C-alpha atoms as a PDB file:
ATOM      1  CA  MET A   1       7.846  -5.298  17.736  1.00  0.00           C
ATOM      2  CA  ARG A   2       8.040  -2.697  20.332  1.00  0.00           C
ATOM      3  CA  GLY A   3       5.466   0.361  19.887  1.00  0.00           C
ATOM      4  CA  LEU A   4       6.928   2.946  17.210  1.00  0.00           C
ATOM      5  CA  HIS A   5       6.891   5.957  19.287  1.00  0.00           C
ATOM      6  CA  SER A   6       9.653   4.242  21.471  1.00  0.00           C
ATOM      7  CA  TYR A   7      11.929   4.336  18.362  1.00  0.00           C
ATOM      8  CA  VAL A   8      11.516   7.967  17.707  1.00  0.00           C
ATOM      9  CA  ASP A   9      14.476   9.927  18.818  1.00  0.00           C
ATOM     10  CA  VAL A  10      13.360  13.184  19.933  1.00  0.00           C
ATOM     11  CA  ARG A  11      16.268  13.784  22.334  1.00  0.00           C
ATOM     12  CA  ASP A  12      17.302  17.098  20.127  1.00  0.00           C
ATOM     13  CA  SER A  13      13.692  18.379  19.735  1.00  0.00           C
ATOM     14  CA  GLY A  14      13.022  18.815  23.623  1.00  0.00           C
ATOM     15  CA  LEU A  15      10.021  16.512  22.934  1.00  0.00           C
ATOM     16  CA  ALA A  16       8.637  13.591  24.880  1.00  0.00           C
ATOM     17  CA  ALA A  17       7.497  10.468  23.046  1.00  0.00           C
ATOM     18  CA  ASP A  18       4.688  10.108  25.399  1.00  0.00           C
ATOM     19  CA  ASP A  19       3.813  13.540  24.158  1.00  0.00           C
ATOM     20  CA  LEU A  20       3.022  12.895  20.681  1.00  0.00           C
ATOM     21  CA  ALA A  21      -0.138  14.328  19.979  1.00  0.00           C
ATOM     22  CA  PRO A  22      -1.857  16.689  17.691  1.00  0.00           C
ATOM     23  CA  ASP A  23      -2.014  20.237  18.010  1.00  0.00           C
ATOM     24  CA  PHE A  24      -3.933  21.706  15.435  1.00  0.00           C
ATOM     25  CA  ASP A  25      -7.893  22.681  15.930  1.00  0.00           C
ATOM     26  CA  TRP A  26      -8.416  21.584  12.382  1.00  0.00           C
ATOM     27  CA  LEU A  27      -7.169  18.252  13.302  1.00  0.00           C
ATOM     28  CA  VAL A  28      -8.585  17.743  16.261  1.00  0.00           C
ATOM     29  CA  ASN A  29     -12.264  18.782  15.038  1.00  0.00           C
ATOM     30  CA  ARG A  30     -11.629  16.141  12.191  1.00  0.00           C
ATOM     31  CA  GLU A  31     -11.613  18.348   9.376  1.00  0.00           C
ATOM     32  CA  ILE A  32      -9.729  15.575   7.627  1.00  0.00           C
ATOM     33  CA  GLU A  33     -11.220  12.184   8.582  1.00  0.00           C
ATOM     34  CA  THR A  34      -8.822   8.930   8.097  1.00  0.00           C
ATOM     35  CA  LYS A  35      -9.352   5.492   8.770  1.00  0.00           C
ATOM     36  CA  PRO A  36      -8.523   3.914  12.062  1.00  0.00           C
ATOM     37  CA  LYS A  37      -4.672   4.251  12.808  1.00  0.00           C
ATOM     38  CA  VAL A  38      -2.348   1.491  11.486  1.00  0.00           C
ATOM     39  CA  ASP A  39      -0.557  -0.738  14.084  1.00  0.00           C
ATOM     40  CA  GLU A  40       1.794  -3.564  13.777  1.00  0.00           C
ATOM     41  CA  LYS A  41      -1.185  -6.143  13.843  1.00  0.00           C
ATOM     42  CA  SER A  42      -2.902  -4.217  11.002  1.00  0.00           C
ATOM     43  CA  ILE A  43      -0.043  -4.053   8.250  1.00  0.00           C
ATOM     44  CA  GLY A  44      -1.256  -5.754   5.019  1.00  0.00           C
ATOM     45  CA  GLY A  45       0.313  -8.170   3.215  1.00  0.00           C
ATOM     46  CA  THR A  46       1.909 -11.763   4.429  1.00  0.00           C
ATOM     47  CA  HIS A  47       5.394 -12.501   5.494  1.00  0.00           C
ATOM     48  CA  ILE A  48       5.926 -13.952   1.680  1.00  0.00           C
ATOM     49  CA  PHE A  49       4.931 -10.709   0.366  1.00  0.00           C
ATOM     50  CA  TRP A  50       7.063  -8.751   2.341  1.00  0.00           C
ATOM     51  CA  ALA A  51      10.045 -11.201   1.664  1.00  0.00           C
ATOM     52  CA  SER A  52       9.476 -11.269  -1.949  1.00  0.00           C
ATOM     53  CA  LYS A  53       9.040  -7.316  -1.956  1.00  0.00           C
ATOM     54  CA  ARG A  54      12.750  -7.019  -0.283  1.00  0.00           C
ATOM     55  CA  ALA A  55      13.974  -9.504  -2.993  1.00  0.00           C
ATOM     56  CA  VAL A  56      12.644  -7.303  -5.796  1.00  0.00           C
ATOM     57  CA  ASP A  57      14.130  -4.300  -4.156  1.00  0.00           C
ATOM     58  CA  ILE A  58      17.614  -5.736  -4.087  1.00  0.00           C
ATOM     59  CA  GLY A  59      17.138  -7.343  -7.627  1.00  0.00           C
ATOM     60  CA  SER A  60      15.929  -4.045  -8.837  1.00  0.00           C
ATOM     61  CA  ALA A  61      18.322  -1.990  -7.198  1.00  0.00           C
ATOM     62  CA  LEU A  62      21.376  -3.971  -8.550  1.00  0.00           C
ATOM     63  CA  ILE A  63      20.450  -3.685 -12.183  1.00  0.00           C
ATOM     64  CA  ALA A  64      19.723  -0.014 -11.773  1.00  0.00           C
ATOM     65  CA  LEU A  65      23.100   0.966 -10.283  1.00  0.00           C
ATOM     66  CA  PRO A  66      25.090   0.558 -13.549  1.00  0.00           C
ATOM     67  CA  PHE A  67      22.330   2.913 -15.019  1.00  0.00           C
ATOM     68  CA  VAL A  68      22.851   5.160 -12.216  1.00  0.00           C
ATOM     69  CA  ALA A  69      26.635   5.185 -12.391  1.00  0.00           C
ATOM     70  CA  MET A  70      26.424   6.415 -16.070  1.00  0.00           C
ATOM     71  CA  VAL A  71      23.878   9.166 -15.311  1.00  0.00           C
ATOM     72  CA  ALA A  72      26.084  10.366 -12.605  1.00  0.00           C
ATOM     73  CA  MET A  73      28.819  10.835 -15.096  1.00  0.00           C
ATOM     74  CA  VAL A  74      26.901  12.520 -17.256  1.00  0.00           C
ATOM     75  CA  ILE A  75      25.761  15.260 -14.610  1.00  0.00           C
ATOM     76  CA  ALA A  76      29.171  15.449 -13.248  1.00  0.00           C
ATOM     77  CA  ILE A  77      30.046  16.846 -16.832  1.00  0.00           C
ATOM     78  CA  LEU A  78      27.084  19.271 -16.868  1.00  0.00           C
ATOM     79  CA  ASN A  79      27.345  20.271 -13.314  1.00  0.00           C
ATOM     80  CA  PRO A  80      30.380  22.761 -13.618  1.00  0.00           C
ATOM     81  CA  LEU A  81      28.062  24.655 -16.285  1.00  0.00           C
ATOM     82  CA  PHE A  82      24.764  24.638 -14.880  1.00  0.00           C
ATOM     83  CA  ASN A  83      25.149  23.055 -11.322  1.00  0.00           C
ATOM     84  CA  PRO A  84      27.950  24.218  -9.790  1.00  0.00           C
ATOM     85  CA  GLY A  85      29.061  22.255  -6.659  1.00  0.00           C
ATOM     86  CA  ARG A  86      29.013  18.581  -5.395  1.00  0.00           C
ATOM     87  CA  LEU A  87      27.284  15.729  -7.248  1.00  0.00           C
ATOM     88  CA  LEU A  88      25.294  14.280  -4.388  1.00  0.00           C
ATOM     89  CA  PHE A  89      23.243  15.572  -1.682  1.00  0.00           C
ATOM     90  CA  ARG A  90      23.208  13.915   1.586  1.00  0.00           C
ATOM     91  CA  GLN A  91      20.453  14.441   4.275  1.00  0.00           C
ATOM     92  CA  GLU A  92      19.423  12.814   7.448  1.00  0.00           C
ATOM     93  CA  ARG A  93      15.905  11.604   7.267  1.00  0.00           C
ATOM     94  CA  MET A  94      13.667   9.045   9.202  1.00  0.00           C
ATOM     95  CA  GLY A  95      13.302   5.522   8.335  1.00  0.00           C
ATOM     96  CA  MET A  96      11.919   2.453   9.388  1.00  0.00           C
ATOM     97  CA  HIS A  97      10.598   2.417  13.154  1.00  0.00           C
ATOM     98  CA  GLY A  98      12.114   6.326  13.467  1.00  0.00           C
ATOM     99  CA  LYS A  99      15.412   5.253  13.144  1.00  0.00           C
ATOM    100  CA  PRO A 100      17.370   8.176  11.233  1.00  0.00           C
ATOM    101  CA  PHE A 101      19.227   7.412   8.059  1.00  0.00           C
ATOM    102  CA  THR A 102      21.409   9.337   5.365  1.00  0.00           C
ATOM    103  CA  ALA A 103      19.438   9.855   1.869  1.00  0.00           C
ATOM    104  CA  TYR A 104      21.547  10.551  -1.230  1.00  0.00           C
ATOM    105  CA  LYS A 105      20.263  12.488  -4.217  1.00  0.00           C
ATOM    106  CA  PHE A 106      21.715  14.209  -7.111  1.00  0.00           C
ATOM    107  CA  ARG A 107      22.229  17.858  -5.916  1.00  0.00           C
ATOM    108  CA  SER A 108      19.664  20.121  -7.474  1.00  0.00           C
ATOM    109  CA  MET A 109      19.848  23.066  -5.470  1.00  0.00           C
ATOM    110  CA  THR A 110      22.574  25.478  -5.075  1.00  0.00           C
ATOM    111  CA  GLU A 111      24.532  24.165  -1.593  1.00  0.00           C
ATOM    112  CA  ALA A 112      23.622  25.903   1.845  1.00  0.00           C
ATOM    113  CA  HIS A 113      25.820  25.449   4.953  1.00  0.00           C
ATOM    114  CA  ARG A 114      22.192  24.919   7.164  1.00  0.00           C
ATOM    115  CA  ILE A 115      18.911  24.123   6.398  1.00  0.00           C
ATOM    116  CA  ASP A 116      16.676  27.109   7.359  1.00  0.00           C
ATOM    117  CA  ARG A 117      13.503  26.048   5.893  1.00  0.00           C
ATOM    118  CA  GLY A 118      10.585  25.163   8.418  1.00  0.00           C
ATOM    119  CA  PRO A 119       8.455  21.776   8.599  1.00  0.00           C
ATOM    120  CA  TYR A 120       5.555  23.407   7.042  1.00  0.00           C
ATOM    121  CA  ASP A 121       7.607  26.275   4.732  1.00  0.00           C
ATOM    122  CA  GLY A 122       7.219  25.875   1.241  1.00  0.00           C
ATOM    123  CA  ILE A 123      10.385  24.613  -1.198  1.00  0.00           C
ATOM    124  CA  GLU A 124      13.138  26.860  -1.386  1.00  0.00           C
ATOM    125  CA  SER A 125      12.504  27.417  -5.281  1.00  0.00           C
ATOM    126  CA  GLU A 126      14.893  29.826  -5.471  1.00  0.00           C
ATOM    127  CA  ARG A 127      17.678  27.715  -4.852  1.00  0.00           C
ATOM    128  CA  ILE A 128      16.770  25.090  -7.538  1.00  0.00           C
ATOM    129  CA  THR A 129      19.497  25.129 -10.777  1.00  0.00           C
ATOM    130  CA  ARG A 130      18.611  25.051 -14.044  1.00  0.00           C
ATOM    131  CA  LEU A 131      20.032  21.527 -14.286  1.00  0.00           C
ATOM    132  CA  GLY A 132      18.425  20.490 -11.222  1.00  0.00           C
ATOM    133  CA  SER A 133      14.946  21.856 -12.422  1.00  0.00           C
ATOM    134  CA  LEU A 134      15.318  19.329 -15.052  1.00  0.00           C
ATOM    135  CA  LEU A 135      16.695  16.363 -12.860  1.00  0.00           C
ATOM    136  CA  ARG A 136      13.537  17.089 -10.221  1.00  0.00           C
ATOM    137  CA  ARG A 137      11.094  17.134 -13.517  1.00  0.00           C
ATOM    138  CA  LEU A 138      12.314  13.711 -14.397  1.00  0.00           C
ATOM    139  CA  ARG A 139      12.752  12.508 -11.023  1.00  0.00           C
ATOM    140  CA  VAL A 140      16.300  11.867 -11.922  1.00  0.00           C
ATOM    141  CA  ASP A 141      17.568  13.405  -8.640  1.00  0.00           C
ATOM    142  CA  GLU A 142      16.398  10.401  -6.667  1.00  0.00           C
ATOM    143  CA  LEU A 143      18.276   7.777  -8.412  1.00  0.00           C
ATOM    144  CA  PRO A 144      20.991   7.393  -5.866  1.00  0.00           C
ATOM    145  CA  GLN A 145      18.525   6.163  -3.384  1.00  0.00           C
ATOM    146  CA  PHE A 146      19.069   2.796  -5.102  1.00  0.00           C
ATOM    147  CA  TRP A 147      22.104   2.641  -2.833  1.00  0.00           C
ATOM    148  CA  ASN A 148      19.950   3.393   0.121  1.00  0.00           C
ATOM    149  CA  ILE A 149      17.657   0.270  -1.097  1.00  0.00           C
ATOM    150  CA  LEU A 150      20.784  -1.808  -1.204  1.00  0.00           C
ATOM    151  CA  ARG A 151      21.890  -0.691   2.361  1.00  0.00           C
ATOM    152  CA  GLY A 152      18.100  -1.815   3.854  1.00  0.00           C
ATOM    153  CA  ASP A 153      17.324   1.908   4.715  1.00  0.00           C
ATOM    154  CA  MET A 154      14.490   2.109   1.749  1.00  0.00           C
ATOM    155  CA  SER A 155      12.386   0.282  -0.360  1.00  0.00           C
ATOM    156  CA  LEU A 156      11.325   0.992  -4.061  1.00  0.00           C
ATOM    157  CA  ILE A 157       7.760   1.701  -2.791  1.00  0.00           C
ATOM    158  CA  GLY A 158       6.740   2.773   0.422  1.00  0.00           C
ATOM    159  CA  PRO A 159       6.131   6.242   2.488  1.00  0.00           C
ATOM    160  CA  ARG A 160       8.388   8.930   1.566  1.00  0.00           C
ATOM    161  CA  PRO A 161      10.965   9.657   4.145  1.00  0.00           C
ATOM    162  CA  ASP A 162      11.033  13.386   5.469  1.00  0.00           C
ATOM    163  CA  TYR A 163      14.243  15.381   6.692  1.00  0.00           C
ATOM    164  CA  TYR A 164      14.410  13.883  10.333  1.00  0.00           C
ATOM    165  CA  PRO A 165      14.089  17.228  12.470  1.00  0.00           C
ATOM    166  CA  HIS A 166      10.850  17.976  10.511  1.00  0.00           C
ATOM    167  CA  ALA A 167       9.660  14.419  10.916  1.00  0.00           C
ATOM    168  CA  VAL A 168      10.271  14.741  14.866  1.00  0.00           C
ATOM    169  CA  VAL A 169       7.854  17.939  14.567  1.00  0.00           C
ATOM    170  CA  TYR A 170       5.315  15.839  12.218  1.00  0.00           C
ATOM    171  CA  CYS A 171       5.275  13.239  15.068  1.00  0.00           C
ATOM    172  CA  HIS A 172       4.022  15.524  17.659  1.00  0.00           C
ATOM    173  CA  ASP A 173       1.680  17.620  15.357  1.00  0.00           C
ATOM    174  CA  ILE A 174       0.094  15.125  12.950  1.00  0.00           C
ATOM    175  CA  PRO A 175      -2.064  12.286  14.252  1.00  0.00           C
ATOM    176  CA  ASN A 176      -0.913   8.757  13.292  1.00  0.00           C
ATOM    177  CA  TYR A 177       2.265  10.207  11.444  1.00  0.00           C
ATOM    178  CA  SER A 178       4.487   7.855  13.445  1.00  0.00           C
ATOM    179  CA  ASN A 179       2.758   4.727  12.155  1.00  0.00           C
ATOM    180  CA  ARG A 180       3.881   5.297   8.654  1.00  0.00           C
ATOM    181  CA  HIS A 181       7.296   4.126   9.865  1.00  0.00           C
ATOM    182  CA  LEU A 182       6.179   0.769  10.622  1.00  0.00           C
ATOM    183  CA  VAL A 183       7.549  -0.187   6.944  1.00  0.00           C
ATOM    184  CA  ARG A 184      10.728   0.790   4.994  1.00  0.00           C
ATOM    185  CA  PRO A 185      10.380   4.487   3.313  1.00  0.00           C
ATOM    186  CA  GLY A 186      10.375   4.401  -0.472  1.00  0.00           C
ATOM    187  CA  ILE A 187      11.511   6.041  -3.686  1.00  0.00           C
ATOM    188  CA  THR A 188       7.953   6.447  -4.592  1.00  0.00           C
ATOM    189  CA  GLY A 189       4.431   5.581  -3.150  1.00  0.00           C
ATOM    190  CA  LEU A 190       0.531   6.108  -2.930  1.00  0.00           C
ATOM    191  CA  ALA A 191       0.942   9.342  -1.177  1.00  0.00           C
ATOM    192  CA  GLN A 192       3.665  10.601  -3.868  1.00  0.00           C
ATOM    193  CA  VAL A 193       1.363   9.534  -6.890  1.00  0.00           C
ATOM    194  CA  ARG A 194      -1.913  10.650  -5.377  1.00  0.00           C
ATOM    195  CA  SER A 195      -0.960  13.912  -3.125  1.00  0.00           C
ATOM    196  CA  GLY A 196       2.312  15.210  -4.677  1.00  0.00           C
ATOM    197  CA  TYR A 197       4.503  17.596  -2.566  1.00  0.00           C
ATOM    198  CA  ALA A 198       3.414  18.033   1.010  1.00  0.00           C
ATOM    199  CA  ALA A 199       4.029  21.615   2.001  1.00  0.00           C
ATOM    200  CA  CYS A 200       1.751  22.698   5.021  1.00  0.00           C
ATOM    201  CA  ALA A 201      -0.031  20.743   7.804  1.00  0.00           C
ATOM    202  CA  ARG A 202      -3.165  19.845   6.063  1.00  0.00           C
ATOM    203  CA  SER A 203      -1.050  18.212   3.321  1.00  0.00           C
ATOM    204  CA  VAL A 204       1.183  16.343   5.376  1.00  0.00           C
ATOM    205  CA  ALA A 205      -1.911  14.744   6.813  1.00  0.00           C
ATOM    206  CA  THR A 206      -3.545  14.061   3.722  1.00  0.00           C
ATOM    207  CA  LYS A 207      -0.100  12.190   2.832  1.00  0.00           C
ATOM    208  CA  VAL A 208      -0.339   9.943   6.355  1.00  0.00           C
ATOM    209  CA  GLY A 209      -3.829   9.189   5.259  1.00  0.00           C
ATOM    210  CA  ASP A 210      -2.517   7.652   1.900  1.00  0.00           C
ATOM    211  CA  ASP A 211       0.521   6.154   3.430  1.00  0.00           C
ATOM    212  CA  LEU A 212      -1.495   4.340   6.219  1.00  0.00           C
ATOM    213  CA  ASN A 213      -3.891   2.913   3.554  1.00  0.00           C
ATOM    214  CA  TYR A 214      -0.964   1.751   1.629  1.00  0.00           C
ATOM    215  CA  ILE A 215       0.369   0.163   4.591  1.00  0.00           C
ATOM    216  CA  ARG A 216      -3.016  -1.621   5.617  1.00  0.00           C
ATOM    217  CA  ASP A 217      -3.929  -2.722   2.073  1.00  0.00           C
ATOM    218  CA  ALA A 218      -0.390  -3.791   1.286  1.00  0.00           C
ATOM    219  CA  SER A 219      -0.274  -6.194  -1.788  1.00  0.00           C
ATOM    220  CA  TRP A 220       1.462  -6.868  -5.335  1.00  0.00           C
ATOM    221  CA  LYS A 221      -1.966  -5.037  -7.138  1.00  0.00           C
ATOM    222  CA  ILE A 222      -1.130  -2.021  -5.084  1.00  0.00           C
ATOM    223  CA  GLU A 223       2.453  -2.304  -5.785  1.00  0.00           C
ATOM    224  CA  LEU A 224       2.079  -2.723  -9.591  1.00  0.00           C
ATOM    225  CA  ALA A 225      -0.677   0.122  -9.242  1.00  0.00           C
ATOM    226  CA  ILE A 226       1.829   2.665  -7.991  1.00  0.00           C
ATOM    227  CA  VAL A 227       4.500   1.715 -10.325  1.00  0.00           C
ATOM    228  CA  ARG A 228       1.994   2.646 -13.395  1.00  0.00           C
ATOM    229  CA  SER A 229       1.102   5.808 -11.633  1.00  0.00           C
ATOM    230  CA  THR A 230       4.392   6.807 -11.052  1.00  0.00           C
ATOM    231  CA  ILE A 231       5.308   6.269 -14.810  1.00  0.00           C
ATOM    232  CA  GLY A 232       2.578   8.743 -15.359  1.00  0.00           C
ATOM    233  CA  VAL A 233       3.681  11.269 -12.894  1.00  0.00           C
ATOM    234  CA  ILE A 234       7.052  11.485 -14.471  1.00  0.00           C
ATOM    235  CA  LEU A 235       5.597  12.062 -17.917  1.00  0.00           C
ATOM    236  CA  SER A 236       3.289  14.716 -16.623  1.00  0.00           C
ATOM    237  CA  GLY A 237       5.371  16.118 -14.029  1.00  0.00           C
ATOM    238  CA  PHE A 238       2.895  16.090 -11.077  1.00  0.00           C
ATOM    239  CA  GLY A 239       3.814  17.236  -8.032  1.00  0.00           C
ATOM    240  CA  HIS A 240       7.615  18.083  -8.693  1.00  0.00           C
ATOM    241  CA  LYS A 241       8.847  20.742  -6.850  1.00  0.00           C
END
């Protein structure tokens, strides 16, 4: 497998892959300590684990899609009253090996012609609609990403994929951020259930630490633990924005 930085497309950012290095004094001073970075040789799990994980992803997505279709019909009926606009939201995210892909979600915000939010800005909560708030609270807005799983873009469990232009900035600013793309991104993951929404450089760095721990220690035991924690997160509303 090629070095991960070589996969990251930084043409639009003006950054060079060889220049990916931390910029924050608090990171340089190691105020947050993580284990040594993950590379291809230190990915946990066997080939059988990763092959069976992909099989579970595909099977789960096939089972879930009829349910997703029913939910989509209900939301389509409610949207004109509580969430006017398109049913689906599409956004370019950074995926495995730094490659961009289009992620799908049920739209939960008022539509915008462009994204003005910077990589370290908080969520634009004023744009979240009444129905959208409920969808985000229950994580229902993520359901269309089962289609991304079937396409091979995502997994049920893995590092959360970030908006591509923001991810390019994180690759430059946050140590080891790029290495979280050694595996498929996930709908849920260790960082999501432990750290919640990341809205600043420090919280992104914390998320990276969780993601690298997941990759290094990948196993069915951890997968099942994340599934249980995800159910708890949905019931409690932890980390939703």
